[in-house]
N, C-alpha and C. Protein backbone atom coordinates (compact mmCIF):
# COMPACT_ATOMS: atom_id res chain seq x y z
N UNK A 1 0.68 -1.25 0.00
CA UNK A 1 0.16 0.02 -0.19
C UNK A 1 0.70 1.27 -0.03
N UNK A 2 0.77 2.03 -1.01
CA UNK A 2 1.59 3.28 -0.97
C UNK A 2 0.89 4.32 -0.29
N UNK A 3 1.42 5.54 -0.10
CA UNK A 3 1.10 6.85 0.61
C UNK A 3 -0.43 7.22 0.21
N UNK A 4 -0.56 7.25 -1.20
CA UNK A 4 -1.76 7.85 -1.50
C UNK A 4 -2.99 6.78 -0.98
N UNK A 5 -2.66 5.56 -1.15
CA UNK A 5 -3.74 4.69 -0.77
C UNK A 5 -3.98 4.92 0.82
N UNK A 6 -2.92 4.67 1.63
CA UNK A 6 -2.86 5.04 2.85
C UNK A 6 -3.69 6.15 3.35
N UNK A 7 -3.49 7.28 2.61
CA UNK A 7 -4.14 8.60 3.05
C UNK A 7 -5.56 8.44 2.55
N UNK A 8 -5.95 7.79 1.44
CA UNK A 8 -7.24 7.39 1.09
C UNK A 8 -8.10 6.76 2.24
N UNK A 9 -7.29 5.71 2.63
CA UNK A 9 -8.06 5.01 3.70
C UNK A 9 -8.39 5.87 4.89
N UNK A 10 -7.28 6.62 5.28
CA UNK A 10 -7.54 7.62 6.56
C UNK A 10 -8.69 8.52 6.13
N UNK A 11 -8.71 9.10 4.90
CA UNK A 11 -9.91 9.95 4.62
C UNK A 11 -11.23 9.31 4.81
N UNK A 12 -11.26 7.86 4.46
CA UNK A 12 -12.38 7.27 4.88
C UNK A 12 -12.84 7.15 6.02
N UNK A 13 -11.80 6.78 6.88
CA UNK A 13 -12.12 6.44 8.45
C UNK A 13 -12.42 7.82 9.00
N UNK A 14 -11.67 8.94 8.61
CA UNK A 14 -12.27 10.31 9.15
C UNK A 14 -13.61 10.54 8.67
N UNK A 15 -13.79 10.29 7.46
CA UNK A 15 -15.19 10.42 7.17
C UNK A 15 -16.26 9.82 7.71
N UNK A 16 -16.12 8.73 8.06
CA UNK A 16 -17.13 7.92 8.93
C UNK A 16 -17.24 8.18 10.15
N UNK A 17 -16.00 8.66 10.76
CA UNK A 17 -16.24 9.31 12.26
C UNK A 17 -17.18 10.78 12.23
N UNK A 18 -16.83 11.51 11.28
CA UNK A 18 -17.54 12.61 11.24
C UNK A 18 -19.15 12.55 11.05
N UNK A 19 -19.35 11.19 9.98
CA UNK A 19 -20.78 11.11 9.97
C UNK A 19 -21.58 10.72 11.25
N UNK A 20 -20.80 9.73 11.92
CA UNK A 20 -21.38 9.31 13.12
C UNK A 20 -21.35 10.33 14.09
N UNK A 21 -20.45 11.31 14.11
CA UNK A 21 -20.33 12.42 15.24
C UNK A 21 -21.51 13.41 14.67
N UNK A 22 -21.54 13.46 13.53
CA UNK A 22 -22.79 14.56 13.02
C UNK A 22 -23.97 14.08 13.44
N UNK A 23 -24.37 12.58 13.16
CA UNK A 23 -25.64 12.09 13.55
C UNK A 23 -26.02 12.20 15.24
N UNK A 24 -25.03 11.95 16.09
CA UNK A 24 -25.09 12.08 17.56
C UNK A 24 -25.47 13.70 17.81
N UNK A 25 -24.83 14.55 17.18
CA UNK A 25 -25.00 16.07 17.62
C UNK A 25 -25.94 16.76 16.67
N UNK A 26 -26.48 15.94 15.68
CA UNK A 26 -27.46 16.36 14.73
C UNK A 26 -26.95 17.64 13.92
N UNK A 27 -25.55 17.65 13.72
CA UNK A 27 -25.04 18.68 13.09
C UNK A 27 -24.74 18.51 11.59
N UNK A 28 -25.69 18.80 10.84
CA UNK A 28 -25.64 18.67 9.34
C UNK A 28 -24.51 18.93 8.82
N UNK A 29 -23.48 19.87 9.19
CA UNK A 29 -22.45 20.52 8.37
C UNK A 29 -21.39 19.26 8.70
N UNK A 30 -21.23 18.94 9.82
CA UNK A 30 -20.17 17.80 10.14
C UNK A 30 -20.66 16.46 9.58
N UNK A 31 -21.85 16.29 9.31
CA UNK A 31 -22.16 14.99 8.51
C UNK A 31 -21.82 15.18 7.24
N UNK A 32 -22.23 16.55 6.48
CA UNK A 32 -22.06 16.55 4.92
C UNK A 32 -20.23 16.55 4.85
N UNK A 33 -19.49 17.21 5.74
CA UNK A 33 -18.11 17.16 5.44
C UNK A 33 -17.70 15.68 5.66
N UNK A 34 -18.29 14.72 6.47
CA UNK A 34 -17.95 13.61 6.63
C UNK A 34 -18.06 12.66 5.39
N UNK A 35 -19.42 13.04 4.68
CA UNK A 35 -19.58 12.37 3.45
C UNK A 35 -18.62 12.68 2.50
N UNK A 36 -18.21 14.03 2.31
CA UNK A 36 -17.42 14.42 1.39
C UNK A 36 -16.00 13.95 1.63
N UNK A 37 -15.54 13.88 2.77
CA UNK A 37 -14.13 13.33 3.16
C UNK A 37 -13.99 11.81 2.79
N UNK A 38 -15.41 11.11 3.15
CA UNK A 38 -15.29 9.68 2.74
C UNK A 38 -15.44 9.44 1.28
N UNK A 39 -15.95 10.34 0.34
CA UNK A 39 -15.93 10.37 -1.03
C UNK A 39 -14.14 10.55 -1.61
N UNK A 40 -13.80 11.53 -0.98
CA UNK A 40 -12.57 11.88 -1.59
C UNK A 40 -11.53 10.64 -1.09
N UNK A 41 -11.75 9.95 -0.10
CA UNK A 41 -11.03 9.03 0.61
C UNK A 41 -11.24 7.63 -0.61
N UNK A 42 -12.23 7.65 -0.76
CA UNK A 42 -12.42 6.41 -1.69
C UNK A 42 -12.04 6.60 -3.33
N UNK A 43 -11.96 8.01 -3.53
CA UNK A 43 -11.52 8.27 -4.98
C UNK A 43 -9.89 8.25 -4.83
N UNK A 44 -9.35 8.63 -3.79
CA UNK A 44 -7.89 8.74 -3.72
C UNK A 44 -7.18 7.08 -3.74
N UNK A 45 -8.30 6.30 -3.03
CA UNK A 45 -7.79 4.74 -3.07
C UNK A 45 -7.77 4.21 -4.40
N UNK A 46 -8.94 4.62 -5.18
CA UNK A 46 -9.17 4.02 -6.43
C UNK A 46 -8.17 4.64 -7.57
N UNK A 47 -7.98 5.96 -7.46
CA UNK A 47 -7.24 6.66 -8.67
C UNK A 47 -5.68 6.78 -8.23
N UNK A 48 -5.38 6.94 -6.93
CA UNK A 48 -3.96 6.92 -6.43
C UNK A 48 -3.75 8.52 -6.66
N UNK A 49 -4.65 9.54 -6.75
CA UNK A 49 -4.28 11.05 -6.76
C UNK A 49 -4.50 11.56 -5.51
N UNK A 50 -3.84 12.54 -5.48
CA UNK A 50 -3.83 13.25 -3.95
C UNK A 50 -5.19 13.92 -3.90
N UNK A 51 -5.47 14.19 -2.57
CA UNK A 51 -6.73 15.05 -2.21
C UNK A 51 -6.85 16.56 -2.96
N UNK A 52 -5.56 17.10 -3.11
CA UNK A 52 -5.77 18.46 -3.70
C UNK A 52 -6.06 18.13 -5.17
N UNK A 53 -5.42 17.13 -5.84
CA UNK A 53 -5.74 16.92 -7.27
C UNK A 53 -7.18 16.54 -7.47
N UNK A 54 -7.93 15.91 -6.58
CA UNK A 54 -9.24 15.44 -6.67
C UNK A 54 -10.12 16.66 -6.54
N UNK A 55 -9.69 17.61 -5.48
CA UNK A 55 -10.58 18.91 -5.24
C UNK A 55 -10.34 19.73 -6.40
N UNK A 56 -9.39 19.75 -7.01
CA UNK A 56 -9.42 20.77 -8.24
C UNK A 56 -10.26 20.13 -9.38
N UNK A 57 -10.17 18.88 -9.58
CA UNK A 57 -10.86 18.16 -10.62
C UNK A 57 -12.64 18.62 -10.28
N UNK A 58 -12.88 18.35 -9.10
CA UNK A 58 -14.12 18.53 -8.70
C UNK A 58 -14.71 19.94 -8.85
N UNK A 59 -13.80 21.06 -8.39
CA UNK A 59 -14.09 22.30 -8.55
C UNK A 59 -14.42 22.78 -10.11
N UNK A 60 -13.52 21.94 -11.18
CA UNK A 60 -13.87 22.19 -12.41
C UNK A 60 -15.15 21.84 -13.17
N UNK A 61 -15.91 20.80 -12.30
CA UNK A 61 -17.20 20.37 -12.91
C UNK A 61 -18.15 21.24 -12.91
């Protein structure tokens, strides 16, 4: 597992945590951030691109 894959996994875990925390506190912003982080983590894992590269691509859409 390379650094990008590891970072992608971490972002998935972080995203899942934010989602759970968002549910417990009923904070929609935290939940949404968690979903976005999870999506970025999955994309990093599958593409091997950095979070910054993926964010730039998303912004262009």
